[in-house]
Amino acid sequence: PGLLGLVDAYLGTLELTPVERKKIDKYLGLVRGRADGTLQTPATWIRSFVRSHPAYKLDSVVSQEINYDLLIAIDRIERGTLCAPELLPEGYSQPYLNGFH
């Protein structure tokens, strides 16, 4: 059944409220997407960002400009002002502000 199948079966034995189950399912959906390749891992996303940056010269050098732009992009994703559906499922930004601790 795989690890996620086992986790799902285990969760079925617990007395979870619908709200608790929804929170857990959101996290499991992220793990499932990363495991099955429908979502990029953070490392893959960062590599893609760097390689597609206009200042990248295909020389393995991540300049201060690229690094700064990367950090700005990550901050915007976290704040929910930049959508990165290849990295996070829709509606997944700001997990701490939405009660997903």
C-alpha atoms as a PDB file:
ATOM      1  CA  PRO A   1       0.000   0.000   0.000  1.00  0.00           C
ATOM      2  CA  GLY A   2       2.974   2.336   0.340  1.00  0.00           C
ATOM      3  CA  LEU A   3       3.803   4.657   3.192  1.00  0.00           C
ATOM      4  CA  LEU A   4       0.997   7.106   2.461  1.00  0.00           C
ATOM      5  CA  GLY A   5      -1.479   4.232   2.220  1.00  0.00           C
ATOM      6  CA  LEU A   6      -0.364   2.999   5.627  1.00  0.00           C
ATOM      7  CA  VAL A   7      -0.631   6.486   7.090  1.00  0.00           C
ATOM      8  CA  ASP A   8      -4.117   6.859   5.618  1.00  0.00           C
ATOM      9  CA  ALA A   9      -5.179   3.484   7.034  1.00  0.00           C
ATOM     10  CA  TYR A  10      -3.808   4.452  10.440  1.00  0.00           C
ATOM     11  CA  LEU A  11      -5.613   7.787  10.355  1.00  0.00           C
ATOM     12  CA  GLY A  12      -8.815   5.880   9.658  1.00  0.00           C
ATOM     13  CA  THR A  13      -8.469   4.221  13.064  1.00  0.00           C
ATOM     14  CA  LEU A  14      -8.286   7.534  14.912  1.00  0.00           C
ATOM     15  CA  GLU A  15     -11.165   9.632  16.106  1.00  0.00           C
ATOM     16  CA  LEU A  16     -10.354  12.811  14.214  1.00  0.00           C
ATOM     17  CA  THR A  17     -12.672  15.719  13.751  1.00  0.00           C
ATOM     18  CA  PRO A  18     -13.345  16.768  10.152  1.00  0.00           C
ATOM     19  CA  VAL A  19     -11.228  19.880  10.732  1.00  0.00           C
ATOM     20  CA  GLU A  20      -8.291  17.827  12.033  1.00  0.00           C
ATOM     21  CA  ARG A  21      -8.563  15.380   9.138  1.00  0.00           C
ATOM     22  CA  LYS A  22      -8.685  18.230   6.618  1.00  0.00           C
ATOM     23  CA  LYS A  23      -5.484  19.714   8.063  1.00  0.00           C
ATOM     24  CA  ILE A  24      -3.697  16.374   7.954  1.00  0.00           C
ATOM     25  CA  ASP A  25      -4.962  15.628   4.434  1.00  0.00           C
ATOM     26  CA  LYS A  26      -3.584  18.958   3.258  1.00  0.00           C
ATOM     27  CA  TYR A  27      -0.097  17.994   4.462  1.00  0.00           C
ATOM     28  CA  LEU A  28      -0.397  14.481   3.063  1.00  0.00           C
ATOM     29  CA  GLY A  29      -1.458  15.928  -0.282  1.00  0.00           C
ATOM     30  CA  LEU A  30       1.754  17.936  -0.370  1.00  0.00           C
ATOM     31  CA  VAL A  31       3.840  14.849   0.458  1.00  0.00           C
ATOM     32  CA  ARG A  32       1.909  12.787  -2.113  1.00  0.00           C
ATOM     33  CA  GLY A  33       2.483  15.391  -4.821  1.00  0.00           C
ATOM     34  CA  ARG A  34       6.197  15.528  -4.108  1.00  0.00           C
ATOM     35  CA  ALA A  35       6.427  11.718  -4.044  1.00  0.00           C
ATOM     36  CA  ASP A  36       4.538  11.121  -7.291  1.00  0.00           C
ATOM     37  CA  GLY A  37       6.238  13.953  -9.153  1.00  0.00           C
ATOM     38  CA  THR A  38       3.190  16.152  -9.683  1.00  0.00           C
ATOM     39  CA  LEU A  39       4.832  18.788  -7.469  1.00  0.00           C
ATOM     40  CA  GLN A  40       8.456  19.856  -7.635  1.00  0.00           C
ATOM     41  CA  THR A  41      10.681  19.523  -4.623  1.00  0.00           C
ATOM     42  CA  PRO A  42      12.065  22.810  -3.287  1.00  0.00           C
ATOM     43  CA  ALA A  43      15.520  21.875  -4.658  1.00  0.00           C
ATOM     44  CA  THR A  44      14.123  21.296  -8.157  1.00  0.00           C
ATOM     45  CA  TRP A  45      12.162  24.539  -8.013  1.00  0.00           C
ATOM     46  CA  ILE A  46      15.251  26.512  -6.941  1.00  0.00           C
ATOM     47  CA  ARG A  47      17.368  24.962  -9.712  1.00  0.00           C
ATOM     48  CA  SER A  48      14.707  25.824 -12.264  1.00  0.00           C
ATOM     49  CA  PHE A  49      14.465  29.380 -10.946  1.00  0.00           C
ATOM     50  CA  VAL A  50      18.224  29.894 -11.130  1.00  0.00           C
ATOM     51  CA  ARG A  51      18.571  28.318 -14.587  1.00  0.00           C
ATOM     52  CA  SER A  52      15.768  30.447 -16.011  1.00  0.00           C
ATOM     53  CA  HIS A  53      16.976  33.720 -14.448  1.00  0.00           C
ATOM     54  CA  PRO A  54      18.076  36.246 -17.103  1.00  0.00           C
ATOM     55  CA  ALA A  55      21.345  36.918 -15.260  1.00  0.00           C
ATOM     56  CA  TYR A  56      22.367  33.236 -15.100  1.00  0.00           C
ATOM     57  CA  LYS A  57      25.201  32.512 -17.519  1.00  0.00           C
ATOM     58  CA  LEU A  58      25.185  28.686 -17.336  1.00  0.00           C
ATOM     59  CA  ASP A  59      28.459  28.849 -15.402  1.00  0.00           C
ATOM     60  CA  SER A  60      27.247  27.425 -12.053  1.00  0.00           C
ATOM     61  CA  VAL A  61      27.614  30.877 -10.454  1.00  0.00           C
ATOM     62  CA  VAL A  62      24.634  32.148  -8.488  1.00  0.00           C
ATOM     63  CA  SER A  63      25.246  35.877  -8.372  1.00  0.00           C
ATOM     64  CA  GLN A  64      23.994  38.231  -5.688  1.00  0.00           C
ATOM     65  CA  GLU A  65      21.328  39.433  -8.136  1.00  0.00           C
ATOM     66  CA  ILE A  66      20.017  35.915  -8.725  1.00  0.00           C
ATOM     67  CA  ASN A  67      20.174  35.090  -5.022  1.00  0.00           C
ATOM     68  CA  TYR A  68      18.311  38.277  -4.113  1.00  0.00           C
ATOM     69  CA  ASP A  69      15.597  37.591  -6.701  1.00  0.00           C
ATOM     70  CA  LEU A  70      15.296  34.009  -5.452  1.00  0.00           C
ATOM     71  CA  LEU A  71      14.790  35.162  -1.864  1.00  0.00           C
ATOM     72  CA  ILE A  72      12.207  37.717  -2.982  1.00  0.00           C
ATOM     73  CA  ALA A  73      10.346  35.004  -4.920  1.00  0.00           C
ATOM     74  CA  ILE A  74      10.390  32.645  -1.927  1.00  0.00           C
ATOM     75  CA  ASP A  75       9.120  35.419   0.350  1.00  0.00           C
ATOM     76  CA  ARG A  76       6.320  36.227  -2.096  1.00  0.00           C
ATOM     77  CA  ILE A  77       5.322  32.557  -2.306  1.00  0.00           C
ATOM     78  CA  GLU A  78       5.190  32.345   1.483  1.00  0.00           C
ATOM     79  CA  ARG A  79       3.098  35.509   1.686  1.00  0.00           C
ATOM     80  CA  GLY A  80       0.747  34.249  -1.018  1.00  0.00           C
ATOM     81  CA  THR A  81       1.480  37.059  -3.480  1.00  0.00           C
ATOM     82  CA  LEU A  82       3.273  34.770  -5.951  1.00  0.00           C
ATOM     83  CA  CYS A  83       1.649  31.588  -7.142  1.00  0.00           C
ATOM     84  CA  ALA A  84       3.966  28.620  -7.760  1.00  0.00           C
ATOM     85  CA  PRO A  85       1.607  25.726  -8.600  1.00  0.00           C
ATOM     86  CA  GLU A  86       4.545  23.553  -9.633  1.00  0.00           C
ATOM     87  CA  LEU A  87       5.844  23.809  -6.036  1.00  0.00           C
ATOM     88  CA  LEU A  88       2.761  24.071  -3.820  1.00  0.00           C
ATOM     89  CA  PRO A  89      -0.846  23.030  -4.363  1.00  0.00           C
ATOM     90  CA  GLU A  90      -3.406  25.790  -4.812  1.00  0.00           C
ATOM     91  CA  GLY A  91      -4.336  27.476  -1.549  1.00  0.00           C
ATOM     92  CA  TYR A  92      -1.272  26.179   0.298  1.00  0.00           C
ATOM     93  CA  SER A  93       0.434  29.504   0.981  1.00  0.00           C
ATOM     94  CA  GLN A  94       0.575  30.987   4.467  1.00  0.00           C
ATOM     95  CA  PRO A  95       0.031  27.724   6.352  1.00  0.00           C
ATOM     96  CA  TYR A  96       0.840  29.286   9.727  1.00  0.00           C
ATOM     97  CA  LEU A  97      -1.619  32.118   9.204  1.00  0.00           C
ATOM     98  CA  ASN A  98      -4.374  29.692   8.239  1.00  0.00           C
ATOM     99  CA  GLY A  99      -4.085  27.598  11.383  1.00  0.00           C
ATOM    100  CA  PHE A 100      -1.851  24.849   9.951  1.00  0.00           C
ATOM    101  CA  HIS A 101       0.871  24.702  12.618  1.00  0.00           C
END
